[in-house]
C-alpha atoms as a PDB file:
ATOM      1  CA  MET A   1     -97.267  56.767-189.026  1.00  0.00           C
ATOM      2  CA  THR A   2     -97.378  59.237-191.874  1.00  0.00           C
ATOM      3  CA  GLU A   3     -95.686  62.561-192.552  1.00  0.00           C
ATOM      4  CA  ASN A   4     -98.881  64.183-191.233  1.00  0.00           C
ATOM      5  CA  ASP A   5     -98.292  62.544-187.828  1.00  0.00           C
ATOM      6  CA  LEU A   6     -94.802  63.958-187.374  1.00  0.00           C
ATOM      7  CA  THR A   7     -95.846  67.176-185.637  1.00  0.00           C
ATOM      8  CA  SER A   8     -97.591  65.168-182.893  1.00  0.00           C
ATOM      9  CA  VAL A   9     -94.784  62.619-182.740  1.00  0.00           C
ATOM     10  CA  MET A  10     -92.213  65.391-182.362  1.00  0.00           C
ATOM     11  CA  LEU A  11     -94.182  66.980-179.491  1.00  0.00           C
ATOM     12  CA  ILE A  12     -93.890  63.679-177.600  1.00  0.00           C
ATOM     13  CA  GLU A  13     -90.299  63.011-178.636  1.00  0.00           C
ATOM     14  CA  GLU A  14     -89.125  66.418-177.442  1.00  0.00           C
ATOM     15  CA  GLN A  15     -90.841  66.004-174.084  1.00  0.00           C
ATOM     16  CA  ILE A  16     -89.483  62.549-173.236  1.00  0.00           C
ATOM     17  CA  TYR A  17     -85.912  62.573-174.518  1.00  0.00           C
ATOM     18  CA  THR A  18     -83.060  64.875-173.537  1.00  0.00           C
ATOM     19  CA  HIS A  19     -81.604  64.382-177.018  1.00  0.00           C
ATOM     20  CA  PRO A  20     -84.616  63.760-179.277  1.00  0.00           C
ATOM     21  CA  TRP A  21     -84.615  62.568-182.812  1.00  0.00           C
ATOM     22  CA  SER A  22     -85.147  65.281-185.388  1.00  0.00           C
ATOM     23  CA  ARG A  23     -88.182  65.452-187.635  1.00  0.00           C
ATOM     24  CA  THR A  24     -85.811  64.622-190.514  1.00  0.00           C
ATOM     25  CA  ILE A  25     -84.841  61.353-188.886  1.00  0.00           C
ATOM     26  CA  PHE A  26     -88.437  60.295-188.550  1.00  0.00           C
ATOM     27  CA  SER A  27     -89.120  61.398-192.106  1.00  0.00           C
ATOM     28  CA  ASP A  28     -86.127  59.413-193.355  1.00  0.00           C
ATOM     29  CA  CYS A  29     -87.418  56.321-191.521  1.00  0.00           C
ATOM     30  CA  LEU A  30     -90.763  56.721-193.276  1.00  0.00           C
ATOM     31  CA  GLN A  31     -89.093  57.167-196.676  1.00  0.00           C
ATOM     32  CA  THR A  32     -86.838  54.109-196.099  1.00  0.00           C
ATOM     33  CA  GLY A  33     -89.834  51.930-195.421  1.00  0.00           C
ATOM     34  CA  TYR A  34     -89.181  51.190-191.754  1.00  0.00           C
ATOM     35  CA  GLU A  35     -92.199  50.075-189.792  1.00  0.00           C
ATOM     36  CA  CYS A  36     -93.292  53.314-188.190  1.00  0.00           C
ATOM     37  CA  ARG A  37     -96.504  53.146-186.161  1.00  0.00           C
ATOM     38  CA  VAL A  38     -98.561  55.525-184.053  1.00  0.00           C
ATOM     39  CA  TYR A  39    -100.952  54.510-181.292  1.00  0.00           C
ATOM     40  CA  GLU A  40    -103.980  56.714-180.909  1.00  0.00           C
ATOM     41  CA  ASP A  41    -106.964  57.288-178.713  1.00  0.00           C
ATOM     42  CA  THR A  42    -109.771  59.286-180.321  1.00  0.00           C
ATOM     43  CA  SER A  43    -107.386  60.469-183.049  1.00  0.00           C
ATOM     44  CA  VAL A  44    -104.828  61.794-180.560  1.00  0.00           C
ATOM     45  CA  ILE A  45    -101.385  60.206-180.819  1.00  0.00           C
ATOM     46  CA  LEU A  46    -100.306  58.805-177.429  1.00  0.00           C
ATOM     47  CA  ALA A  47     -97.338  56.686-178.495  1.00  0.00           C
ATOM     48  CA  TYR A  48     -95.229  55.627-181.439  1.00  0.00           C
ATOM     49  CA  SER A  49     -92.638  53.075-182.497  1.00  0.00           C
ATOM     50  CA  VAL A  50     -90.038  52.731-185.231  1.00  0.00           C
ATOM     51  CA  MET A  51     -88.634  49.325-186.235  1.00  0.00           C
ATOM     52  CA  SER A  52     -86.461  48.086-189.077  1.00  0.00           C
ATOM     53  CA  ALA A  53     -86.278  44.496-190.272  1.00  0.00           C
ATOM     54  CA  ALA A  54     -83.918  42.770-192.694  1.00  0.00           C
ATOM     55  CA  ALA A  55     -82.000  39.531-193.067  1.00  0.00           C
ATOM     56  CA  GLY A  56     -83.849  37.793-190.241  1.00  0.00           C
ATOM     57  CA  GLU A  57     -83.168  40.553-187.697  1.00  0.00           C
ATOM     58  CA  ALA A  58     -85.394  43.323-186.452  1.00  0.00           C
ATOM     59  CA  HIS A  59     -84.275  46.435-184.590  1.00  0.00           C
ATOM     60  CA  LEU A  60     -86.488  48.551-182.380  1.00  0.00           C
ATOM     61  CA  LEU A  61     -85.094  51.994-183.124  1.00  0.00           C
ATOM     62  CA  ASN A  62     -87.451  54.224-181.159  1.00  0.00           C
ATOM     63  CA  LEU A  63     -90.426  53.877-178.835  1.00  0.00           C
ATOM     64  CA  GLY A  64     -92.096  56.802-177.156  1.00  0.00           C
ATOM     65  CA  VAL A  65     -95.091  57.331-174.913  1.00  0.00           C
ATOM     66  CA  HIS A  66     -96.621  60.716-174.103  1.00  0.00           C
ATOM     67  CA  PRO A  67     -95.531  61.704-170.569  1.00  0.00           C
ATOM     68  CA  GLN A  68     -99.182  61.915-169.384  1.00  0.00           C
ATOM     69  CA  HIS A  69     -99.751  58.297-170.435  1.00  0.00           C
ATOM     70  CA  GLN A  70     -96.555  56.723-169.033  1.00  0.00           C
ATOM     71  CA  GLY A  71     -96.840  54.219-166.222  1.00  0.00           C
ATOM     72  CA  LYS A  72    -100.242  52.953-167.373  1.00  0.00           C
ATOM     73  CA  GLY A  73     -99.148  49.972-169.497  1.00  0.00           C
ATOM     74  CA  LEU A  74     -99.137  51.708-172.856  1.00  0.00           C
ATOM     75  CA  GLY A  75     -95.404  51.300-173.300  1.00  0.00           C
ATOM     76  CA  ARG A  76     -95.745  47.577-172.612  1.00  0.00           C
ATOM     77  CA  PHE A  77     -98.637  47.379-175.135  1.00  0.00           C
ATOM     78  CA  VAL A  78     -96.609  49.150-177.810  1.00  0.00           C
ATOM     79  CA  LEU A  79     -93.552  46.926-177.140  1.00  0.00           C
ATOM     80  CA  ARG A  80     -95.732  43.816-177.455  1.00  0.00           C
ATOM     81  CA  GLN A  81     -97.101  45.120-180.767  1.00  0.00           C
ATOM     82  CA  VAL A  82     -93.549  45.654-182.030  1.00  0.00           C
ATOM     83  CA  ILE A  83     -92.591  42.127-180.930  1.00  0.00           C
ATOM     84  CA  GLU A  84     -95.620  40.663-182.728  1.00  0.00           C
ATOM     85  CA  HIS A  85     -94.874  42.520-185.981  1.00  0.00           C
ATOM     86  CA  ALA A  86     -91.159  41.770-185.738  1.00  0.00           C
ATOM     87  CA  GLY A  87     -91.967  38.056-185.419  1.00  0.00           C
ATOM     88  CA  GLU A  88     -93.562  38.179-188.864  1.00  0.00           C
ATOM     89  CA  LYS A  89     -90.274  39.317-190.394  1.00  0.00           C
ATOM     90  CA  ALA A  90     -87.385  38.232-188.184  1.00  0.00           C
ATOM     91  CA  ASP A  91     -86.027  35.650-185.769  1.00  0.00           C
ATOM     92  CA  THR A  92     -84.548  38.117-183.283  1.00  0.00           C
ATOM     93  CA  LEU A  93     -85.467  41.613-182.122  1.00  0.00           C
ATOM     94  CA  PHE A  94     -82.616  43.882-180.986  1.00  0.00           C
ATOM     95  CA  LEU A  95     -82.595  47.277-179.311  1.00  0.00           C
ATOM     96  CA  GLU A  96     -80.299  49.705-177.549  1.00  0.00           C
ATOM     97  CA  VAL A  97     -81.234  51.503-174.337  1.00  0.00           C
ATOM     98  CA  ARG A  98     -79.419  54.102-172.265  1.00  0.00           C
ATOM     99  CA  ALA A  99     -77.573  52.440-169.413  1.00  0.00           C
ATOM    100  CA  SER A 100     -79.199  54.964-167.052  1.00  0.00           C
ATOM    101  CA  ASN A 101     -82.781  54.175-168.225  1.00  0.00           C
ATOM    102  CA  ARG A 102     -83.738  51.696-165.502  1.00  0.00           C
ATOM    103  CA  VAL A 103     -87.488  51.915-166.212  1.00  0.00           C
ATOM    104  CA  ALA A 104     -87.047  50.895-169.847  1.00  0.00           C
ATOM    105  CA  ARG A 105     -84.514  48.201-168.940  1.00  0.00           C
ATOM    106  CA  ARG A 106     -86.975  46.615-166.494  1.00  0.00           C
ATOM    107  CA  LEU A 107     -89.714  46.727-169.128  1.00  0.00           C
ATOM    108  CA  TYR A 108     -87.512  45.046-171.766  1.00  0.00           C
ATOM    109  CA  GLU A 109     -86.301  42.377-169.321  1.00  0.00           C
ATOM    110  CA  SER A 110     -89.871  41.614-168.231  1.00  0.00           C
ATOM    111  CA  GLU A 111     -90.796  41.067-171.879  1.00  0.00           C
ATOM    112  CA  GLY A 112     -88.091  38.507-172.513  1.00  0.00           C
ATOM    113  CA  PHE A 113     -85.151  40.650-173.627  1.00  0.00           C
ATOM    114  CA  ASN A 114     -81.663  39.798-172.450  1.00  0.00           C
ATOM    115  CA  GLU A 115     -78.665  42.096-172.282  1.00  0.00           C
ATOM    116  CA  ILE A 116     -76.144  40.879-174.812  1.00  0.00           C
ATOM    117  CA  GLY A 117     -73.620  43.698-175.028  1.00  0.00           C
ATOM    118  CA  GLN A 118     -72.709  47.321-174.565  1.00  0.00           C
ATOM    119  CA  ARG A 119     -71.956  50.188-176.915  1.00  0.00           C
ATOM    120  CA  PHE A 120     -69.600  52.607-175.284  1.00  0.00           C
ATOM    121  CA  ASN A 121     -70.255  56.345-175.691  1.00  0.00           C
ATOM    122  CA  TYR A 122     -73.248  55.599-177.904  1.00  0.00           C
ATOM    123  CA  TYR A 123     -75.747  58.269-176.864  1.00  0.00           C
ATOM    124  CA  PRO A 124     -75.199  62.011-176.540  1.00  0.00           C
ATOM    125  CA  ALA A 125     -75.608  63.221-172.967  1.00  0.00           C
ATOM    126  CA  ASP A 126     -75.594  66.523-171.165  1.00  0.00           C
ATOM    127  CA  LYS A 127     -72.034  65.887-170.014  1.00  0.00           C
ATOM    128  CA  GLY A 128     -70.395  64.032-172.868  1.00  0.00           C
ATOM    129  CA  ARG A 129     -71.694  60.623-173.966  1.00  0.00           C
ATOM    130  CA  GLU A 130     -73.538  57.719-172.363  1.00  0.00           C
ATOM    131  CA  ASP A 131     -73.185  53.990-172.953  1.00  0.00           C
ATOM    132  CA  ALA A 132     -75.958  51.933-174.488  1.00  0.00           C
ATOM    133  CA  LEU A 133     -76.881  48.427-173.409  1.00  0.00           C
ATOM    134  CA  VAL A 134     -77.755  46.100-176.266  1.00  0.00           C
ATOM    135  CA  PHE A 135     -80.698  43.799-175.690  1.00  0.00           C
ATOM    136  CA  ALA A 136     -82.035  40.922-177.821  1.00  0.00           C
ATOM    137  CA  ARG A 137     -85.153  38.801-177.757  1.00  0.00           C
ATOM    138  CA  PRO A 138     -85.707  35.628-179.773  1.00  0.00           C
ATOM    139  CA  LEU A 139     -88.951  35.735-181.733  1.00  0.00           C
ATOM    140  CA  LEU A 140     -89.383  32.044-182.536  1.00  0.00           C
END
């Protein structure tokens, strides 16, 4: 992912999340050196991921798939790519997911993630805040 990709990334982000990241957050992730990737087909961005890694731990911070390409295995492919790259830098991959996001939770569980905790009132929601479930996957 580069700064030039952010317009396309934002178009996806704003379609799939009720409380999307801002362009500034993505830009900050690029500037910080997080592993930010886009997944393209014929130069059209279909998905993206953002991961940080330090001190033996990796954190999947964001993963998005264009709505027209969801349910076709692309999210699983992107997640597997993140797992592979995280394994080069860390022993464990962590992530947070909205408690209400059953589709994502099933995907993470099917790829070897286990729920290890909960962050109360973590995400903004239309009516207040929503809890996050914390998942982890060993990478060894």
